[in-house]
Amino acid sequence: MTVSLLILSLSLAGVIALGIYFEIKPFSRAKTAPAWLKTSLVINLSTFVLALFGTLFIGIQEVIAMSDEVMEVTSNPEFSIGKGLAFIGIALPTCVATYAAGMAIGPIGAASLAAISEKPENFGRSLIYLGLAEGVAIYGLVISILLIGKL
């Protein structure tokens, strides 16, 4: 477990170091990307994802391997792995819906600002379009609230 956490920390430090490097020495559009950049990003990302899943699976196996006596003493007996996974499943609709709403609001907001700068009377119409895109996130939240009521 500690090795996996160490790999996660080093991978995160690598991403931060790369960000600092490009802050000091910005990348211009005229030049092509160096070969080391793409390979280092792919290696860093794959290392991070593998270490993250390794930490998750090692943690789950440690919880499953605990004996019943230790579980009764150290944790809430009403909470189990199945209930924890159910809470993750309940959070997923809100997560996906808010991500989708954010992806929709970006282009709609940019287009509405362009339309408002040309015709200020389009302000109300653009607010309606932004509200429709934001409604997707609200629907995900409503679904999560309904699901948590079933739990």
C-alpha atoms as a PDB file:
ATOM      1  CA  MET A   1       0.000   0.000   0.000  1.00  0.00           C
ATOM      2  CA  THR A   2       2.770   2.449   0.855  1.00  0.00           C
ATOM      3  CA  VAL A   3       4.615   1.655  -2.390  1.00  0.00           C
ATOM      4  CA  SER A   4       1.475   2.431  -4.375  1.00  0.00           C
ATOM      5  CA  LEU A   5       0.986   5.703  -2.496  1.00  0.00           C
ATOM      6  CA  LEU A   6       4.641   6.585  -3.110  1.00  0.00           C
ATOM      7  CA  ILE A   7       4.173   5.969  -6.851  1.00  0.00           C
ATOM      8  CA  LEU A   8       1.049   8.151  -6.822  1.00  0.00           C
ATOM      9  CA  SER A   9       2.933  10.952  -5.063  1.00  0.00           C
ATOM     10  CA  LEU A  10       5.901  10.752  -7.451  1.00  0.00           C
ATOM     11  CA  SER A  11       3.604  10.761 -10.465  1.00  0.00           C
ATOM     12  CA  LEU A  12       1.787  13.818  -9.156  1.00  0.00           C
ATOM     13  CA  ALA A  13       5.129  15.515  -8.475  1.00  0.00           C
ATOM     14  CA  GLY A  14       6.119  14.750 -12.081  1.00  0.00           C
ATOM     15  CA  VAL A  15       3.015  16.475 -13.398  1.00  0.00           C
ATOM     16  CA  ILE A  16       3.685  19.499 -11.179  1.00  0.00           C
ATOM     17  CA  ALA A  17       7.346  19.634 -12.300  1.00  0.00           C
ATOM     18  CA  LEU A  18       6.284  19.491 -15.949  1.00  0.00           C
ATOM     19  CA  GLY A  19       3.822  22.334 -15.326  1.00  0.00           C
ATOM     20  CA  ILE A  20       6.546  24.434 -13.683  1.00  0.00           C
ATOM     21  CA  TYR A  21       8.901  23.682 -16.586  1.00  0.00           C
ATOM     22  CA  PHE A  22       6.365  24.915 -19.130  1.00  0.00           C
ATOM     23  CA  GLU A  23       5.563  27.948 -16.987  1.00  0.00           C
ATOM     24  CA  ILE A  24       9.220  28.950 -17.002  1.00  0.00           C
ATOM     25  CA  LYS A  25       9.881  27.975 -20.626  1.00  0.00           C
ATOM     26  CA  PRO A  26       6.567  28.334 -22.523  1.00  0.00           C
ATOM     27  CA  PHE A  27       5.816  26.169 -25.522  1.00  0.00           C
ATOM     28  CA  SER A  28       5.315  28.113 -28.751  1.00  0.00           C
ATOM     29  CA  ARG A  29       2.883  27.070 -31.469  1.00  0.00           C
ATOM     30  CA  ALA A  30       5.493  27.415 -34.202  1.00  0.00           C
ATOM     31  CA  LYS A  31       7.641  24.591 -32.858  1.00  0.00           C
ATOM     32  CA  THR A  32       6.526  20.982 -32.813  1.00  0.00           C
ATOM     33  CA  ALA A  33       6.287  19.124 -29.538  1.00  0.00           C
ATOM     34  CA  PRO A  34       9.495  17.426 -28.443  1.00  0.00           C
ATOM     35  CA  ALA A  35       9.478  13.635 -28.599  1.00  0.00           C
ATOM     36  CA  TRP A  36      10.198  13.299 -24.883  1.00  0.00           C
ATOM     37  CA  LEU A  37       7.069  15.259 -23.999  1.00  0.00           C
ATOM     38  CA  LYS A  38       4.524  12.828 -25.407  1.00  0.00           C
ATOM     39  CA  THR A  39       6.261   9.728 -24.067  1.00  0.00           C
ATOM     40  CA  SER A  40       6.779  11.227 -20.619  1.00  0.00           C
ATOM     41  CA  LEU A  41       3.131  12.264 -20.396  1.00  0.00           C
ATOM     42  CA  VAL A  42       1.908   8.826 -21.488  1.00  0.00           C
ATOM     43  CA  ILE A  43       4.219   7.056 -19.033  1.00  0.00           C
ATOM     44  CA  ASN A  44       3.286   9.428 -16.214  1.00  0.00           C
ATOM     45  CA  LEU A  45      -0.436   9.110 -16.845  1.00  0.00           C
ATOM     46  CA  SER A  46      -0.352   5.326 -17.120  1.00  0.00           C
ATOM     47  CA  THR A  47       1.761   5.060 -13.962  1.00  0.00           C
ATOM     48  CA  PHE A  48      -0.667   7.288 -12.097  1.00  0.00           C
ATOM     49  CA  VAL A  49      -3.730   5.323 -13.232  1.00  0.00           C
ATOM     50  CA  LEU A  50      -2.149   1.947 -12.450  1.00  0.00           C
ATOM     51  CA  ALA A  51      -1.015   3.113  -9.005  1.00  0.00           C
ATOM     52  CA  LEU A  52      -4.460   4.548  -8.302  1.00  0.00           C
ATOM     53  CA  PHE A  53      -6.185   1.269  -9.187  1.00  0.00           C
ATOM     54  CA  GLY A  54      -3.541  -0.649  -7.245  1.00  0.00           C
ATOM     55  CA  THR A  55      -4.230   1.437  -4.148  1.00  0.00           C
ATOM     56  CA  LEU A  56      -7.964   0.904  -4.585  1.00  0.00           C
ATOM     57  CA  PHE A  57      -7.724  -2.860  -4.984  1.00  0.00           C
ATOM     58  CA  ILE A  58      -5.182  -3.272  -2.170  1.00  0.00           C
ATOM     59  CA  GLY A  59      -7.410  -1.232   0.128  1.00  0.00           C
ATOM     60  CA  ILE A  60     -10.479  -3.307  -0.766  1.00  0.00           C
ATOM     61  CA  GLN A  61      -8.596  -6.544  -0.177  1.00  0.00           C
ATOM     62  CA  GLU A  62      -7.385  -5.320   3.218  1.00  0.00           C
ATOM     63  CA  VAL A  63     -10.938  -4.532   4.257  1.00  0.00           C
ATOM     64  CA  ILE A  64     -12.210  -7.908   3.048  1.00  0.00           C
ATOM     65  CA  ALA A  65      -9.345  -9.745   4.780  1.00  0.00           C
ATOM     66  CA  MET A  66     -10.193  -8.281   8.183  1.00  0.00           C
ATOM     67  CA  SER A  67     -11.776 -10.719  10.573  1.00  0.00           C
ATOM     68  CA  ASP A  68     -15.299 -10.219  11.875  1.00  0.00           C
ATOM     69  CA  GLU A  69     -14.099  -9.399  15.395  1.00  0.00           C
ATOM     70  CA  VAL A  70     -11.872  -6.576  14.188  1.00  0.00           C
ATOM     71  CA  MET A  71     -14.647  -5.209  11.981  1.00  0.00           C
ATOM     72  CA  GLU A  72     -17.075  -5.049  14.901  1.00  0.00           C
ATOM     73  CA  VAL A  73     -14.614  -3.186  17.091  1.00  0.00           C
ATOM     74  CA  THR A  74     -13.134  -0.729  14.597  1.00  0.00           C
ATOM     75  CA  SER A  75     -15.968   0.236  12.304  1.00  0.00           C
ATOM     76  CA  ASN A  76     -19.655   0.883  12.139  1.00  0.00           C
ATOM     77  CA  PRO A  77     -21.441  -2.467  11.747  1.00  0.00           C
ATOM     78  CA  GLU A  78     -24.220  -0.827   9.708  1.00  0.00           C
ATOM     79  CA  PHE A  79     -21.777   0.186   6.967  1.00  0.00           C
ATOM     80  CA  SER A  80     -20.391  -2.389   4.544  1.00  0.00           C
ATOM     81  CA  ILE A  81     -18.486  -2.506   1.268  1.00  0.00           C
ATOM     82  CA  GLY A  82     -21.741  -3.043  -0.603  1.00  0.00           C
ATOM     83  CA  LYS A  83     -23.233   0.069   0.940  1.00  0.00           C
ATOM     84  CA  GLY A  84     -20.107   2.062   0.069  1.00  0.00           C
ATOM     85  CA  LEU A  85     -20.290   0.915  -3.542  1.00  0.00           C
ATOM     86  CA  ALA A  86     -23.984   1.828  -3.543  1.00  0.00           C
ATOM     87  CA  PHE A  87     -23.076   5.371  -2.481  1.00  0.00           C
ATOM     88  CA  ILE A  88     -20.548   5.552  -5.318  1.00  0.00           C
ATOM     89  CA  GLY A  89     -23.266   4.402  -7.722  1.00  0.00           C
ATOM     90  CA  ILE A  90     -25.611   7.039  -6.343  1.00  0.00           C
ATOM     91  CA  ALA A  91     -22.993   9.760  -6.891  1.00  0.00           C
ATOM     92  CA  LEU A  92     -22.332   8.762 -10.512  1.00  0.00           C
ATOM     93  CA  PRO A  93     -25.468  10.349 -12.066  1.00  0.00           C
ATOM     94  CA  THR A  94     -24.633  13.701 -10.501  1.00  0.00           C
ATOM     95  CA  CYS A  95     -21.002  13.402 -11.545  1.00  0.00           C
ATOM     96  CA  VAL A  96     -21.753  12.559 -15.161  1.00  0.00           C
ATOM     97  CA  ALA A  97     -24.588  15.082 -15.435  1.00  0.00           C
ATOM     98  CA  THR A  98     -22.542  17.979 -14.072  1.00  0.00           C
ATOM     99  CA  TYR A  99     -19.652  17.101 -16.389  1.00  0.00           C
ATOM    100  CA  ALA A 100     -22.017  17.010 -19.363  1.00  0.00           C
ATOM    101  CA  ALA A 101     -23.599  20.312 -18.312  1.00  0.00           C
ATOM    102  CA  GLY A 102     -20.179  21.911 -18.064  1.00  0.00           C
ATOM    103  CA  MET A 103     -19.272  20.646 -21.513  1.00  0.00           C
ATOM    104  CA  ALA A 104     -22.521  22.112 -22.869  1.00  0.00           C
ATOM    105  CA  ILE A 105     -22.313  25.458 -21.072  1.00  0.00           C
ATOM    106  CA  GLY A 106     -18.834  26.281 -22.443  1.00  0.00           C
ATOM    107  CA  PRO A 107     -19.742  26.586 -26.134  1.00  0.00           C
ATOM    108  CA  ILE A 108     -23.208  27.945 -25.386  1.00  0.00           C
ATOM    109  CA  GLY A 109     -21.739  30.644 -23.155  1.00  0.00           C
ATOM    110  CA  ALA A 110     -19.163  31.646 -25.744  1.00  0.00           C
ATOM    111  CA  ALA A 111     -21.774  31.798 -28.499  1.00  0.00           C
ATOM    112  CA  SER A 112     -24.196  33.747 -26.311  1.00  0.00           C
ATOM    113  CA  LEU A 113     -21.515  36.325 -25.454  1.00  0.00           C
ATOM    114  CA  ALA A 114     -20.810  36.766 -29.163  1.00  0.00           C
ATOM    115  CA  ALA A 115     -24.522  37.138 -29.901  1.00  0.00           C
ATOM    116  CA  ILE A 116     -25.043  39.621 -27.056  1.00  0.00           C
ATOM    117  CA  SER A 117     -22.104  41.747 -28.222  1.00  0.00           C
ATOM    118  CA  GLU A 118     -23.713  42.060 -31.664  1.00  0.00           C
ATOM    119  CA  LYS A 119     -27.334  42.399 -30.479  1.00  0.00           C
ATOM    120  CA  PRO A 120     -27.875  43.219 -26.801  1.00  0.00           C
ATOM    121  CA  GLU A 121     -31.561  42.275 -27.069  1.00  0.00           C
ATOM    122  CA  ASN A 122     -30.538  38.585 -27.363  1.00  0.00           C
ATOM    123  CA  PHE A 123     -29.605  38.518 -23.667  1.00  0.00           C
ATOM    124  CA  GLY A 124     -32.850  36.882 -22.495  1.00  0.00           C
ATOM    125  CA  ARG A 125     -32.787  34.236 -25.196  1.00  0.00           C
ATOM    126  CA  SER A 126     -29.178  33.317 -24.405  1.00  0.00           C
ATOM    127  CA  LEU A 127     -30.050  32.956 -20.708  1.00  0.00           C
ATOM    128  CA  ILE A 128     -32.753  30.460 -21.650  1.00  0.00           C
ATOM    129  CA  TYR A 129     -30.240  28.363 -23.601  1.00  0.00           C
ATOM    130  CA  LEU A 130     -27.785  28.452 -20.697  1.00  0.00           C
ATOM    131  CA  GLY A 131     -30.557  27.434 -18.304  1.00  0.00           C
ATOM    132  CA  LEU A 132     -31.491  24.474 -20.490  1.00  0.00           C
ATOM    133  CA  ALA A 133     -27.897  23.268 -20.440  1.00  0.00           C
ATOM    134  CA  GLU A 134     -27.708  23.715 -16.662  1.00  0.00           C
ATOM    135  CA  GLY A 135     -30.915  21.718 -16.288  1.00  0.00           C
ATOM    136  CA  VAL A 136     -28.979  18.591 -17.230  1.00  0.00           C
ATOM    137  CA  ALA A 137     -26.977  18.893 -13.986  1.00  0.00           C
ATOM    138  CA  ILE A 138     -30.135  19.430 -11.979  1.00  0.00           C
ATOM    139  CA  TYR A 139     -31.673  16.282 -13.471  1.00  0.00           C
ATOM    140  CA  GLY A 140     -28.626  14.272 -12.370  1.00  0.00           C
ATOM    141  CA  LEU A 141     -28.913  15.693  -8.870  1.00  0.00           C
ATOM    142  CA  VAL A 142     -32.612  14.793  -8.722  1.00  0.00           C
ATOM    143  CA  ILE A 143     -31.842  11.221  -9.810  1.00  0.00           C
ATOM    144  CA  SER A 144     -29.196  10.928  -7.076  1.00  0.00           C
ATOM    145  CA  ILE A 145     -31.609  12.245  -4.458  1.00  0.00           C
ATOM    146  CA  LEU A 146     -34.238   9.721  -5.555  1.00  0.00           C
ATOM    147  CA  LEU A 147     -31.686   6.897  -5.438  1.00  0.00           C
ATOM    148  CA  ILE A 148     -30.458   7.824  -1.972  1.00  0.00           C
ATOM    149  CA  GLY A 149     -34.057   7.666  -0.778  1.00  0.00           C
ATOM    150  CA  LYS A 150     -34.180   4.016  -1.899  1.00  0.00           C
ATOM    151  CA  LEU A 151     -31.044   3.129   0.083  1.00  0.00           C
END
